[in-house]
């Protein structure tokens, strides 16, 4: 398709399309007569760029977002649009809730400057938190060999000790039935989520890594995959019957973990269930005991591995869930691996 037709179909201008070409965002084929031609994939790429610009992203950010993964399929472009749109939608919801809070607190009196500054600071902090995580572990580069690289035996420090036992425990614990929907956050290559497919459960796998999503989809074509992360789940409110996550939560900070729980609570239906299996300590006391043991035994590998991640205190997550109307039970597999199972007793949102 030629540039004029593309511009007409996408409700933009030929000048805009040429500008994106100048900036290196698109690379259309040029015929001998110098006319530009566009494939279906290139047209969807342009529509994605236009959508991302509408969402407020700058040219540099868009270039980084689209070029960091190499070639995309048409489905991938729409997955990116959905992920970014959800992030913007959540940002808008945060703004609305902040304004509501301000008005509710000052129903019978004037709104002071200090109130405005306080809530503005709160909103800025929320926005910063949602955007603050980045993949320092480069999971895209791990996707192809991830399953083969799982270390379960023969090492001084095995983060995947009890791996299969833990995944099976999650499946056995979750009270999901056929035709219900389960969200797997940090789905990776699909090792946990796939265990629910045989039960007739619809599984949506969310991951920030495009390569992990591609590997997951290749292994389990029947699983739905979406680009996203703990802090901005690409799911509408109260649409999940259950939420699971394995070996993923320790990649975000404690403050981000609490926002992740807020997000899970947002998308979970009333009386739904959450089951998280992850690398974590029971509390500060047990953390100190484990680290002291590794230090005394000279196991620097273990100490480095723990300090390179964000192992939670299980008590922090349990306290949050209990304070938000969840019934919680826990299970310990080994000193650094636990499971949290929480059932929701809330009312439906208005």
C-alpha atoms as a PDB file:
ATOM      1  CA  UNK A   1       0.000   0.000   0.000  1.00  0.00           C
ATOM      2  CA  UNK A   2       1.275   3.481  -0.894  1.00  0.00           C
ATOM      3  CA  UNK A   3       1.826   6.277   1.630  1.00  0.00           C
ATOM      4  CA  UNK A   4      -1.239   8.356   0.666  1.00  0.00           C
ATOM      5  CA  UNK A   5      -3.562   5.391   1.136  1.00  0.00           C
ATOM      6  CA  UNK A   6      -1.939   4.482   4.448  1.00  0.00           C
ATOM      7  CA  UNK A   7      -2.313   8.064   5.694  1.00  0.00           C
ATOM      8  CA  UNK A   8      -5.973   8.118   4.652  1.00  0.00           C
ATOM      9  CA  UNK A   9      -6.761   4.789   6.298  1.00  0.00           C
ATOM     10  CA  UNK A  10      -5.014   5.736   9.562  1.00  0.00           C
ATOM     11  CA  UNK A  11      -6.464   9.259   9.679  1.00  0.00           C
ATOM     12  CA  UNK A  12      -3.064  10.901   9.636  1.00  0.00           C
ATOM     13  CA  UNK A  13      -0.913  12.787   7.116  1.00  0.00           C
ATOM     14  CA  UNK A  14       1.839  11.733   4.729  1.00  0.00           C
ATOM     15  CA  UNK A  15       4.014  14.356   6.416  1.00  0.00           C
ATOM     16  CA  UNK A  16       3.584  12.616   9.791  1.00  0.00           C
ATOM     17  CA  UNK A  17       4.516   9.240   8.297  1.00  0.00           C
ATOM     18  CA  UNK A  18       7.622  10.722   6.651  1.00  0.00           C
ATOM     19  CA  UNK A  19       8.557  12.317   9.988  1.00  0.00           C
ATOM     20  CA  UNK A  20       8.443   8.892  11.673  1.00  0.00           C
ATOM     21  CA  UNK A  21      10.629   7.559   8.876  1.00  0.00           C
ATOM     22  CA  UNK A  22      13.150  10.366   9.427  1.00  0.00           C
ATOM     23  CA  UNK A  23      13.272   9.526  13.125  1.00  0.00           C
ATOM     24  CA  UNK A  24      13.989   5.871  12.377  1.00  0.00           C
ATOM     25  CA  UNK A  25      10.665   4.570  13.678  1.00  0.00           C
ATOM     26  CA  UNK A  26       9.654   2.976  10.374  1.00  0.00           C
ATOM     27  CA  UNK A  27      11.544   1.750   7.309  1.00  0.00           C
ATOM     28  CA  UNK A  28       9.170   1.392   4.344  1.00  0.00           C
ATOM     29  CA  UNK A  29      10.299  -0.231   1.106  1.00  0.00           C
ATOM     30  CA  UNK A  30      11.094   2.200  -1.706  1.00  0.00           C
ATOM     31  CA  UNK A  31      10.483   1.224  -5.318  1.00  0.00           C
ATOM     32  CA  UNK A  32      12.679   2.325  -8.215  1.00  0.00           C
ATOM     33  CA  UNK A  33      10.444   5.370  -8.650  1.00  0.00           C
ATOM     34  CA  UNK A  34      11.044   6.210  -4.933  1.00  0.00           C
ATOM     35  CA  UNK A  35       7.417   5.555  -4.014  1.00  0.00           C
ATOM     36  CA  UNK A  36       7.102   4.126  -0.511  1.00  0.00           C
ATOM     37  CA  UNK A  37       5.177   0.869  -0.032  1.00  0.00           C
ATOM     38  CA  UNK A  38       3.968  -0.537   3.280  1.00  0.00           C
ATOM     39  CA  UNK A  39       3.222  -4.110   4.347  1.00  0.00           C
ATOM     40  CA  UNK A  40       0.400  -4.985   6.765  1.00  0.00           C
ATOM     41  CA  UNK A  41       2.945  -5.275   9.608  1.00  0.00           C
ATOM     42  CA  UNK A  42       4.350  -1.825   8.829  1.00  0.00           C
ATOM     43  CA  UNK A  43       0.856  -0.329   8.761  1.00  0.00           C
ATOM     44  CA  UNK A  44       0.093  -1.776  12.200  1.00  0.00           C
ATOM     45  CA  UNK A  45       3.471  -0.463  13.404  1.00  0.00           C
ATOM     46  CA  UNK A  46       2.468   3.047  12.276  1.00  0.00           C
ATOM     47  CA  UNK A  47      -0.918   2.704  13.984  1.00  0.00           C
ATOM     48  CA  UNK A  48       0.906   1.665  17.161  1.00  0.00           C
ATOM     49  CA  UNK A  49       3.171   4.724  16.953  1.00  0.00           C
ATOM     50  CA  UNK A  50       0.139   6.968  16.466  1.00  0.00           C
ATOM     51  CA  UNK A  51      -1.597   5.375  19.461  1.00  0.00           C
ATOM     52  CA  UNK A  52       1.476   5.710  21.669  1.00  0.00           C
ATOM     53  CA  UNK A  53       1.774   9.383  20.701  1.00  0.00           C
ATOM     54  CA  UNK A  54      -1.887   9.836  21.707  1.00  0.00           C
ATOM     55  CA  UNK A  55      -1.019   8.257  25.058  1.00  0.00           C
ATOM     56  CA  UNK A  56       1.646  10.937  25.554  1.00  0.00           C
ATOM     57  CA  UNK A  57       4.847   9.007  24.798  1.00  0.00           C
ATOM     58  CA  UNK A  58       7.740  10.880  23.213  1.00  0.00           C
ATOM     59  CA  UNK A  59       9.538   9.839  20.043  1.00  0.00           C
ATOM     60  CA  UNK A  60      12.618   8.639  21.933  1.00  0.00           C
ATOM     61  CA  UNK A  61      10.526   6.471  24.300  1.00  0.00           C
ATOM     62  CA  UNK A  62       8.549   4.989  21.410  1.00  0.00           C
ATOM     63  CA  UNK A  63      11.729   4.197  19.490  1.00  0.00           C
ATOM     64  CA  UNK A  64      13.182   2.417  22.504  1.00  0.00           C
ATOM     65  CA  UNK A  65       9.945   0.531  23.160  1.00  0.00           C
ATOM     66  CA  UNK A  66       9.535  -0.694  19.585  1.00  0.00           C
ATOM     67  CA  UNK A  67      13.165  -1.303  18.699  1.00  0.00           C
ATOM     68  CA  UNK A  68      14.361  -3.120  21.813  1.00  0.00           C
ATOM     69  CA  UNK A  69      12.696  -6.381  20.760  1.00  0.00           C
ATOM     70  CA  UNK A  70      13.513  -6.389  17.040  1.00  0.00           C
ATOM     71  CA  UNK A  71      10.795  -7.627  14.665  1.00  0.00           C
ATOM     72  CA  UNK A  72       7.204  -7.817  15.835  1.00  0.00           C
ATOM     73  CA  UNK A  73       4.169  -9.682  14.627  1.00  0.00           C
ATOM     74  CA  UNK A  74       0.896  -7.766  14.205  1.00  0.00           C
ATOM     75  CA  UNK A  75      -0.396  -9.339  17.450  1.00  0.00           C
ATOM     76  CA  UNK A  76       2.656  -8.008  19.320  1.00  0.00           C
ATOM     77  CA  UNK A  77       1.955  -4.416  18.284  1.00  0.00           C
ATOM     78  CA  UNK A  78      -1.586  -4.576  19.641  1.00  0.00           C
ATOM     79  CA  UNK A  79      -0.278  -6.185  22.834  1.00  0.00           C
ATOM     80  CA  UNK A  80       2.035  -3.185  23.322  1.00  0.00           C
ATOM     81  CA  UNK A  81      -0.834  -0.754  22.690  1.00  0.00           C
ATOM     82  CA  UNK A  82      -2.994  -2.515  25.276  1.00  0.00           C
ATOM     83  CA  UNK A  83      -0.231  -2.515  27.906  1.00  0.00           C
ATOM     84  CA  UNK A  84       0.483   1.194  27.502  1.00  0.00           C
ATOM     85  CA  UNK A  85      -3.228   2.055  27.403  1.00  0.00           C
ATOM     86  CA  UNK A  86      -3.796   0.214  30.699  1.00  0.00           C
ATOM     87  CA  UNK A  87      -0.906   2.122  32.286  1.00  0.00           C
ATOM     88  CA  UNK A  88      -2.462   5.421  31.184  1.00  0.00           C
ATOM     89  CA  UNK A  89      -5.909   4.301  32.346  1.00  0.00           C
ATOM     90  CA  UNK A  90      -4.558   3.417  35.797  1.00  0.00           C
ATOM     91  CA  UNK A  91      -2.783   6.760  35.958  1.00  0.00           C
ATOM     92  CA  UNK A  92      -6.100   8.482  35.196  1.00  0.00           C
ATOM     93  CA  UNK A  93      -7.867   6.388  37.865  1.00  0.00           C
ATOM     94  CA  UNK A  94      -5.215   7.401  40.394  1.00  0.00           C
ATOM     95  CA  UNK A  95      -5.889  11.059  39.523  1.00  0.00           C
ATOM     96  CA  UNK A  96      -9.654  10.644  39.930  1.00  0.00           C
ATOM     97  CA  UNK A  97      -9.257   8.883  43.285  1.00  0.00           C
ATOM     98  CA  UNK A  98      -6.914  11.642  44.459  1.00  0.00           C
ATOM     99  CA  UNK A  99      -9.462  14.324  43.543  1.00  0.00           C
ATOM    100  CA  UNK A 100     -12.265  12.332  45.215  1.00  0.00           C
ATOM    101  CA  UNK A 101     -10.176  12.070  48.363  1.00  0.00           C
ATOM    102  CA  UNK A 102      -9.541  15.790  48.381  1.00  0.00           C
ATOM    103  CA  UNK A 103     -13.241  16.592  47.991  1.00  0.00           C
ATOM    104  CA  UNK A 104     -14.394  14.026  50.582  1.00  0.00           C
ATOM    105  CA  UNK A 105     -11.961  15.344  53.203  1.00  0.00           C
ATOM    106  CA  UNK A 106     -13.147  18.896  52.711  1.00  0.00           C
ATOM    107  CA  UNK A 107     -16.905  18.611  52.254  1.00  0.00           C
ATOM    108  CA  UNK A 108     -17.706  21.339  54.762  1.00  0.00           C
ATOM    109  CA  UNK A 109     -14.637  23.531  54.549  1.00  0.00           C
ATOM    110  CA  UNK A 110     -12.387  25.195  52.051  1.00  0.00           C
ATOM    111  CA  UNK A 111      -9.543  23.230  50.495  1.00  0.00           C
ATOM    112  CA  UNK A 112      -6.200  24.453  51.775  1.00  0.00           C
ATOM    113  CA  UNK A 113      -3.005  24.770  49.819  1.00  0.00           C
ATOM    114  CA  UNK A 114      -1.414  22.178  52.081  1.00  0.00           C
ATOM    115  CA  UNK A 115      -4.146  19.637  51.200  1.00  0.00           C
ATOM    116  CA  UNK A 116      -3.456  20.151  47.515  1.00  0.00           C
ATOM    117  CA  UNK A 117       0.312  19.784  47.959  1.00  0.00           C
ATOM    118  CA  UNK A 118      -0.060  16.634  50.081  1.00  0.00           C
ATOM    119  CA  UNK A 119      -2.351  14.865  47.625  1.00  0.00           C
ATOM    120  CA  UNK A 120      -0.295  16.047  44.662  1.00  0.00           C
ATOM    121  CA  UNK A 121       2.766  14.490  46.266  1.00  0.00           C
ATOM    122  CA  UNK A 122       0.815  11.257  46.820  1.00  0.00           C
ATOM    123  CA  UNK A 123      -0.243  11.156  43.163  1.00  0.00           C
ATOM    124  CA  UNK A 124       3.288  11.816  41.961  1.00  0.00           C
ATOM    125  CA  UNK A 125       4.554   8.995  44.174  1.00  0.00           C
ATOM    126  CA  UNK A 126       1.995   6.550  42.754  1.00  0.00           C
ATOM    127  CA  UNK A 127       2.914   7.495  39.193  1.00  0.00           C
ATOM    128  CA  UNK A 128       6.594   7.130  39.960  1.00  0.00           C
ATOM    129  CA  UNK A 129       6.062   3.713  41.570  1.00  0.00           C
ATOM    130  CA  UNK A 130       4.129   2.335  38.610  1.00  0.00           C
ATOM    131  CA  UNK A 131       6.900   3.416  36.224  1.00  0.00           C
ATOM    132  CA  UNK A 132       9.937   2.754  38.405  1.00  0.00           C
ATOM    133  CA  UNK A 133      10.589  -0.929  37.743  1.00  0.00           C
ATOM    134  CA  UNK A 134      13.012  -1.973  35.040  1.00  0.00           C
ATOM    135  CA  UNK A 135      14.323  -5.364  33.998  1.00  0.00           C
ATOM    136  CA  UNK A 136      17.923  -5.353  35.244  1.00  0.00           C
ATOM    137  CA  UNK A 137      18.035  -9.147  34.790  1.00  0.00           C
ATOM    138  CA  UNK A 138      17.322  -8.966  31.008  1.00  0.00           C
ATOM    139  CA  UNK A 139      14.688 -11.699  30.907  1.00  0.00           C
ATOM    140  CA  UNK A 140      14.397 -11.400  27.139  1.00  0.00           C
ATOM    141  CA  UNK A 141      17.889 -12.867  26.831  1.00  0.00           C
ATOM    142  CA  UNK A 142      16.950 -15.723  29.201  1.00  0.00           C
ATOM    143  CA  UNK A 143      13.719 -16.779  27.485  1.00  0.00           C
ATOM    144  CA  UNK A 144      15.122 -19.273  24.967  1.00  0.00           C
ATOM    145  CA  UNK A 145      17.016 -21.324  27.566  1.00  0.00           C
ATOM    146  CA  UNK A 146      15.014 -20.511  30.694  1.00  0.00           C
ATOM    147  CA  UNK A 147      13.514 -23.956  31.280  1.00  0.00           C
ATOM    148  CA  UNK A 148      16.885 -25.662  30.804  1.00  0.00           C
ATOM    149  CA  UNK A 149      18.630 -23.233  33.163  1.00  0.00           C
ATOM    150  CA  UNK A 150      16.452 -23.943  36.218  1.00  0.00           C
ATOM    151  CA  UNK A 151      18.886 -25.049  38.946  1.00  0.00           C
ATOM    152  CA  UNK A 152      17.235 -27.592  41.219  1.00  0.00           C
ATOM    153  CA  UNK A 153      20.028 -29.949  42.216  1.00  0.00           C
ATOM    154  CA  UNK A 154      23.770 -30.073  42.775  1.00  0.00           C
ATOM    155  CA  UNK A 155      24.481 -26.466  43.749  1.00  0.00           C
ATOM    156  CA  UNK A 156      25.459 -24.897  47.081  1.00  0.00           C
ATOM    157  CA  UNK A 157      22.523 -22.528  46.786  1.00  0.00           C
ATOM    158  CA  UNK A 158      19.471 -23.638  44.817  1.00  0.00           C
ATOM    159  CA  UNK A 159      16.845 -20.939  44.422  1.00  0.00           C
ATOM    160  CA  UNK A 160      14.696 -23.502  42.593  1.00  0.00           C
ATOM    161  CA  UNK A 161      14.832 -26.153  45.305  1.00  0.00           C
ATOM    162  CA  UNK A 162      11.289 -27.582  45.686  1.00  0.00           C
ATOM    163  CA  UNK A 163      10.282 -25.879  42.420  1.00  0.00           C
ATOM    164  CA  UNK A 164       7.938 -28.576  41.080  1.00  0.00           C
ATOM    165  CA  UNK A 165       6.556 -29.318  44.545  1.00  0.00           C
ATOM    166  CA  UNK A 166       5.710 -25.630  44.988  1.00  0.00           C
ATOM    167  CA  UNK A 167       3.965 -25.321  41.618  1.00  0.00           C
ATOM    168  CA  UNK A 168       1.887 -28.434  42.271  1.00  0.00           C
ATOM    169  CA  UNK A 169       0.956 -27.094  45.706  1.00  0.00           C
ATOM    170  CA  UNK A 170      -0.383 -23.897  44.108  1.00  0.00           C
ATOM    171  CA  UNK A 171      -2.514 -25.876  41.650  1.00  0.00           C
ATOM    172  CA  UNK A 172      -3.861 -28.157  44.384  1.00  0.00           C
ATOM    173  CA  UNK A 173      -4.647 -25.183  46.632  1.00  0.00           C
ATOM    174  CA  UNK A 174      -6.475 -22.920  44.181  1.00  0.00           C
ATOM    175  CA  UNK A 175     -10.260 -23.615  44.198  1.00  0.00           C
ATOM    176  CA  UNK A 176     -10.761 -22.970  40.483  1.00  0.00           C
ATOM    177  CA  UNK A 177     -13.245 -24.785  38.272  1.00  0.00           C
ATOM    178  CA  UNK A 178     -13.592 -25.297  34.527  1.00  0.00           C
ATOM    179  CA  UNK A 179     -14.518 -22.145  32.559  1.00  0.00           C
ATOM    180  CA  UNK A 180     -13.219 -19.839  35.298  1.00  0.00           C
ATOM    181  CA  UNK A 181     -10.366 -17.425  34.597  1.00  0.00           C
ATOM    182  CA  UNK A 182      -6.972 -17.431  36.259  1.00  0.00           C
ATOM    183  CA  UNK A 183      -4.308 -14.745  35.954  1.00  0.00           C
ATOM    184  CA  UNK A 184      -0.647 -15.815  36.115  1.00  0.00           C
ATOM    185  CA  UNK A 185       1.552 -12.771  36.822  1.00  0.00           C
ATOM    186  CA  UNK A 186       5.156 -13.066  35.712  1.00  0.00           C
ATOM    187  CA  UNK A 187       4.104 -16.058  33.634  1.00  0.00           C
ATOM    188  CA  UNK A 188       7.553 -16.527  32.088  1.00  0.00           C
ATOM    189  CA  UNK A 189       7.483 -19.624  29.878  1.00  0.00           C
ATOM    190  CA  UNK A 190       4.184 -20.763  31.365  1.00  0.00           C
ATOM    191  CA  UNK A 191       5.275 -23.515  33.747  1.00  0.00           C
ATOM    192  CA  UNK A 192       2.686 -22.668  36.423  1.00  0.00           C
ATOM    193  CA  UNK A 193      -0.208 -21.361  34.336  1.00  0.00           C
ATOM    194  CA  UNK A 194      -0.135 -24.373  32.009  1.00  0.00           C
ATOM    195  CA  UNK A 195      -0.988 -26.690  34.901  1.00  0.00           C
ATOM    196  CA  UNK A 196      -4.460 -25.108  35.055  1.00  0.00           C
ATOM    197  CA  UNK A 197      -5.195 -25.559  31.336  1.00  0.00           C
ATOM    198  CA  UNK A 198      -5.867 -29.297  31.698  1.00  0.00           C
ATOM    199  CA  UNK A 199      -8.630 -28.442  34.191  1.00  0.00           C
ATOM    200  CA  UNK A 200     -10.486 -26.396  31.550  1.00  0.00           C
ATOM    201  CA  UNK A 201      -9.536 -23.106  33.201  1.00  0.00           C
ATOM    202  CA  UNK A 202      -8.922 -20.066  31.005  1.00  0.00           C
ATOM    203  CA  UNK A 203      -5.440 -18.775  31.818  1.00  0.00           C
ATOM    204  CA  UNK A 204      -4.143 -15.277  31.075  1.00  0.00           C
ATOM    205  CA  UNK A 205      -0.389 -15.004  31.400  1.00  0.00           C
ATOM    206  CA  UNK A 206       1.107 -11.554  31.986  1.00  0.00           C
ATOM    207  CA  UNK A 207       4.792 -10.742  31.621  1.00  0.00           C
ATOM    208  CA  UNK A 208       6.851  -7.665  30.826  1.00  0.00           C
ATOM    209  CA  UNK A 209       9.207  -9.703  28.602  1.00  0.00           C
ATOM    210  CA  UNK A 210       8.086 -10.086  24.978  1.00  0.00           C
ATOM    211  CA  UNK A 211      10.479 -13.003  24.494  1.00  0.00           C
ATOM    212  CA  UNK A 212       9.088 -14.830  27.513  1.00  0.00           C
ATOM    213  CA  UNK A 213       5.552 -14.310  26.200  1.00  0.00           C
ATOM    214  CA  UNK A 214       6.580 -15.656  22.800  1.00  0.00           C
ATOM    215  CA  UNK A 215       8.197 -18.717  24.394  1.00  0.00           C
ATOM    216  CA  UNK A 216       5.089 -19.279  26.530  1.00  0.00           C
ATOM    217  CA  UNK A 217       2.739 -18.993  23.551  1.00  0.00           C
ATOM    218  CA  UNK A 218       4.878 -21.380  21.530  1.00  0.00           C
ATOM    219  CA  UNK A 219       4.760 -23.987  24.317  1.00  0.00           C
ATOM    220  CA  UNK A 220       1.092 -23.461  25.186  1.00  0.00           C
ATOM    221  CA  UNK A 221      -0.874 -22.002  22.219  1.00  0.00           C
ATOM    222  CA  UNK A 222      -4.128 -22.253  24.176  1.00  0.00           C
ATOM    223  CA  UNK A 223      -2.911 -19.816  26.849  1.00  0.00           C
ATOM    224  CA  UNK A 224      -3.737 -16.135  26.389  1.00  0.00           C
ATOM    225  CA  UNK A 225      -0.706 -13.898  26.926  1.00  0.00           C
ATOM    226  CA  UNK A 226      -0.548 -10.155  27.574  1.00  0.00           C
ATOM    227  CA  UNK A 227       2.313  -7.724  27.969  1.00  0.00           C
ATOM    228  CA  UNK A 228       2.277  -6.065  31.397  1.00  0.00           C
ATOM    229  CA  UNK A 229       3.661  -6.227  34.906  1.00  0.00           C
ATOM    230  CA  UNK A 230       2.721  -6.350  38.599  1.00  0.00           C
ATOM    231  CA  UNK A 231       2.333  -2.572  38.921  1.00  0.00           C
ATOM    232  CA  UNK A 232      -0.036  -2.075  35.973  1.00  0.00           C
ATOM    233  CA  UNK A 233      -1.951  -5.255  35.221  1.00  0.00           C
ATOM    234  CA  UNK A 234      -3.580  -5.198  31.742  1.00  0.00           C
ATOM    235  CA  UNK A 235      -6.864  -6.480  33.194  1.00  0.00           C
ATOM    236  CA  UNK A 236     -10.160  -4.717  33.886  1.00  0.00           C
ATOM    237  CA  UNK A 237     -11.465  -4.420  37.454  1.00  0.00           C
ATOM    238  CA  UNK A 238     -12.857  -7.599  39.064  1.00  0.00           C
ATOM    239  CA  UNK A 239     -12.403  -9.859  36.055  1.00  0.00           C
ATOM    240  CA  UNK A 240     -10.304 -12.674  37.586  1.00  0.00           C
ATOM    241  CA  UNK A 241     -11.575 -15.660  39.569  1.00  0.00           C
ATOM    242  CA  UNK A 242      -8.053 -16.438  40.731  1.00  0.00           C
ATOM    243  CA  UNK A 243      -4.543 -15.011  40.610  1.00  0.00           C
ATOM    244  CA  UNK A 244      -1.310 -16.974  40.841  1.00  0.00           C
ATOM    245  CA  UNK A 245       2.346 -16.027  40.668  1.00  0.00           C
ATOM    246  CA  UNK A 246       5.541 -18.023  41.060  1.00  0.00           C
ATOM    247  CA  UNK A 247       9.153 -16.913  41.433  1.00  0.00           C
ATOM    248  CA  UNK A 248       8.377 -13.379  40.221  1.00  0.00           C
ATOM    249  CA  UNK A 249       7.467 -11.121  43.161  1.00  0.00           C
ATOM    250  CA  UNK A 250      11.077 -11.010  44.417  1.00  0.00           C
ATOM    251  CA  UNK A 251      12.003  -8.919  41.377  1.00  0.00           C
ATOM    252  CA  UNK A 252      10.234  -5.837  42.758  1.00  0.00           C
ATOM    253  CA  UNK A 253      10.934  -3.798  45.901  1.00  0.00           C
ATOM    254  CA  UNK A 254       8.866  -4.028  49.105  1.00  0.00           C
ATOM    255  CA  UNK A 255       7.072  -0.776  48.331  1.00  0.00           C
ATOM    256  CA  UNK A 256       6.278  -2.046  44.839  1.00  0.00           C
ATOM    257  CA  UNK A 257       5.087  -5.367  46.291  1.00  0.00           C
ATOM    258  CA  UNK A 258       2.367  -3.559  48.229  1.00  0.00           C
ATOM    259  CA  UNK A 259       1.256  -1.743  45.066  1.00  0.00           C
ATOM    260  CA  UNK A 260       1.272  -5.139  43.315  1.00  0.00           C
ATOM    261  CA  UNK A 261      -1.154  -6.413  45.976  1.00  0.00           C
ATOM    262  CA  UNK A 262      -3.350  -3.364  45.349  1.00  0.00           C
ATOM    263  CA  UNK A 263      -3.391  -4.286  41.657  1.00  0.00           C
ATOM    264  CA  UNK A 264      -4.243  -7.916  42.385  1.00  0.00           C
ATOM    265  CA  UNK A 265      -7.065  -6.800  44.671  1.00  0.00           C
ATOM    266  CA  UNK A 266      -8.343  -4.515  41.905  1.00  0.00           C
ATOM    267  CA  UNK A 267      -8.669  -7.234  39.264  1.00  0.00           C
ATOM    268  CA  UNK A 268      -9.857 -10.059  41.558  1.00  0.00           C
ATOM    269  CA  UNK A 269     -13.545 -10.854  41.813  1.00  0.00           C
ATOM    270  CA  UNK A 270     -15.269 -10.975  45.226  1.00  0.00           C
ATOM    271  CA  UNK A 271     -14.529 -14.306  46.938  1.00  0.00           C
ATOM    272  CA  UNK A 272     -11.671 -14.875  44.516  1.00  0.00           C
ATOM    273  CA  UNK A 273      -8.328 -16.322  45.580  1.00  0.00           C
ATOM    274  CA  UNK A 274      -4.673 -15.341  45.340  1.00  0.00           C
ATOM    275  CA  UNK A 275      -1.818 -17.826  45.591  1.00  0.00           C
ATOM    276  CA  UNK A 276       1.790 -16.633  45.518  1.00  0.00           C
ATOM    277  CA  UNK A 277       4.806 -18.900  45.761  1.00  0.00           C
ATOM    278  CA  UNK A 278       8.063 -17.023  45.958  1.00  0.00           C
ATOM    279  CA  UNK A 279      11.492 -16.597  47.462  1.00  0.00           C
ATOM    280  CA  UNK A 280      10.846 -14.922  50.813  1.00  0.00           C
ATOM    281  CA  UNK A 281      11.641 -14.997  54.493  1.00  0.00           C
ATOM    282  CA  UNK A 282       9.055 -15.352  57.251  1.00  0.00           C
ATOM    283  CA  UNK A 283      10.117 -12.115  58.946  1.00  0.00           C
ATOM    284  CA  UNK A 284      13.202 -10.046  59.815  1.00  0.00           C
ATOM    285  CA  UNK A 285      14.279 -12.454  62.521  1.00  0.00           C
ATOM    286  CA  UNK A 286      14.295 -15.478  60.230  1.00  0.00           C
ATOM    287  CA  UNK A 287      16.011 -13.435  57.490  1.00  0.00           C
ATOM    288  CA  UNK A 288      18.887 -12.665  59.861  1.00  0.00           C
ATOM    289  CA  UNK A 289      19.147 -16.319  60.917  1.00  0.00           C
ATOM    290  CA  UNK A 290      19.374 -17.565  57.320  1.00  0.00           C
ATOM    291  CA  UNK A 291      21.910 -14.955  56.242  1.00  0.00           C
ATOM    292  CA  UNK A 292      23.989 -15.612  59.361  1.00  0.00           C
ATOM    293  CA  UNK A 293      23.996 -19.344  58.560  1.00  0.00           C
ATOM    294  CA  UNK A 294      25.229 -18.702  55.020  1.00  0.00           C
ATOM    295  CA  UNK A 295      27.871 -16.283  56.290  1.00  0.00           C
ATOM    296  CA  UNK A 296      29.185 -18.737  58.908  1.00  0.00           C
ATOM    297  CA  UNK A 297      29.333 -21.541  56.348  1.00  0.00           C
ATOM    298  CA  UNK A 298      31.194 -19.305  53.886  1.00  0.00           C
ATOM    299  CA  UNK A 299      28.454 -19.515  51.259  1.00  0.00           C
ATOM    300  CA  UNK A 300      29.044 -16.161  49.566  1.00  0.00           C
ATOM    301  CA  UNK A 301      27.139 -17.334  46.490  1.00  0.00           C
ATOM    302  CA  UNK A 302      23.941 -17.549  48.533  1.00  0.00           C
ATOM    303  CA  UNK A 303      24.412 -14.156  50.162  1.00  0.00           C
ATOM    304  CA  UNK A 304      25.116 -12.487  46.804  1.00  0.00           C
ATOM    305  CA  UNK A 305      22.081 -14.130  45.178  1.00  0.00           C
ATOM    306  CA  UNK A 306      19.788 -12.976  47.992  1.00  0.00           C
ATOM    307  CA  UNK A 307      21.146  -9.427  48.046  1.00  0.00           C
ATOM    308  CA  UNK A 308      20.784  -9.157  44.252  1.00  0.00           C
ATOM    309  CA  UNK A 309      17.026  -9.660  44.546  1.00  0.00           C
ATOM    310  CA  UNK A 310      14.162  -8.335  46.699  1.00  0.00           C
ATOM    311  CA  UNK A 311      13.225 -11.293  48.896  1.00  0.00           C
ATOM    312  CA  UNK A 312      10.120 -10.253  50.838  1.00  0.00           C
ATOM    313  CA  UNK A 313       9.284 -10.703  54.472  1.00  0.00           C
ATOM    314  CA  UNK A 314       6.217 -12.930  54.281  1.00  0.00           C
ATOM    315  CA  UNK A 315       4.780 -11.124  57.295  1.00  0.00           C
ATOM    316  CA  UNK A 316       4.648  -7.835  55.330  1.00  0.00           C
ATOM    317  CA  UNK A 317       2.449  -9.362  52.618  1.00  0.00           C
ATOM    318  CA  UNK A 318       0.270 -11.298  55.071  1.00  0.00           C
ATOM    319  CA  UNK A 319      -0.349  -8.169  57.175  1.00  0.00           C
ATOM    320  CA  UNK A 320      -1.453  -6.207  54.102  1.00  0.00           C
ATOM    321  CA  UNK A 321      -3.805  -8.931  52.912  1.00  0.00           C
ATOM    322  CA  UNK A 322      -5.366  -9.425  56.333  1.00  0.00           C
ATOM    323  CA  UNK A 323      -5.875  -5.688  56.765  1.00  0.00           C
ATOM    324  CA  UNK A 324      -7.719  -5.651  53.405  1.00  0.00           C
ATOM    325  CA  UNK A 325     -10.313  -8.275  54.302  1.00  0.00           C
ATOM    326  CA  UNK A 326      -8.515 -11.443  53.149  1.00  0.00           C
ATOM    327  CA  UNK A 327      -8.313 -14.730  54.994  1.00  0.00           C
ATOM    328  CA  UNK A 328      -4.701 -15.889  54.750  1.00  0.00           C
ATOM    329  CA  UNK A 329      -2.838 -19.152  55.198  1.00  0.00           C
ATOM    330  CA  UNK A 330       0.845 -19.817  54.521  1.00  0.00           C
ATOM    331  CA  UNK A 331       3.098 -22.770  53.797  1.00  0.00           C
ATOM    332  CA  UNK A 332       6.889 -23.035  54.077  1.00  0.00           C
ATOM    333  CA  UNK A 333       8.750 -25.313  51.618  1.00  0.00           C
ATOM    334  CA  UNK A 334      12.276 -24.453  52.759  1.00  0.00           C
ATOM    335  CA  UNK A 335      13.963 -21.523  54.564  1.00  0.00           C
ATOM    336  CA  UNK A 336      13.725 -19.226  51.517  1.00  0.00           C
ATOM    337  CA  UNK A 337      10.597 -20.482  49.732  1.00  0.00           C
ATOM    338  CA  UNK A 338       7.033 -19.903  50.945  1.00  0.00           C
ATOM    339  CA  UNK A 339       3.487 -19.878  49.653  1.00  0.00           C
ATOM    340  CA  UNK A 340       0.780 -17.379  50.575  1.00  0.00           C
ATOM    341  CA  UNK A 341      -2.856 -18.309  49.928  1.00  0.00           C
ATOM    342  CA  UNK A 342      -5.475 -15.602  50.397  1.00  0.00           C
ATOM    343  CA  UNK A 343      -9.229 -15.614  49.813  1.00  0.00           C
ATOM    344  CA  UNK A 344     -11.142 -12.397  49.295  1.00  0.00           C
ATOM    345  CA  UNK A 345     -14.215 -11.559  51.355  1.00  0.00           C
ATOM    346  CA  UNK A 346     -14.975  -8.175  49.831  1.00  0.00           C
ATOM    347  CA  UNK A 347     -18.034  -6.694  48.198  1.00  0.00           C
ATOM    348  CA  UNK A 348     -18.316  -5.909  44.520  1.00  0.00           C
ATOM    349  CA  UNK A 349     -17.119  -2.490  43.419  1.00  0.00           C
ATOM    350  CA  UNK A 350     -19.668   0.152  42.570  1.00  0.00           C
END
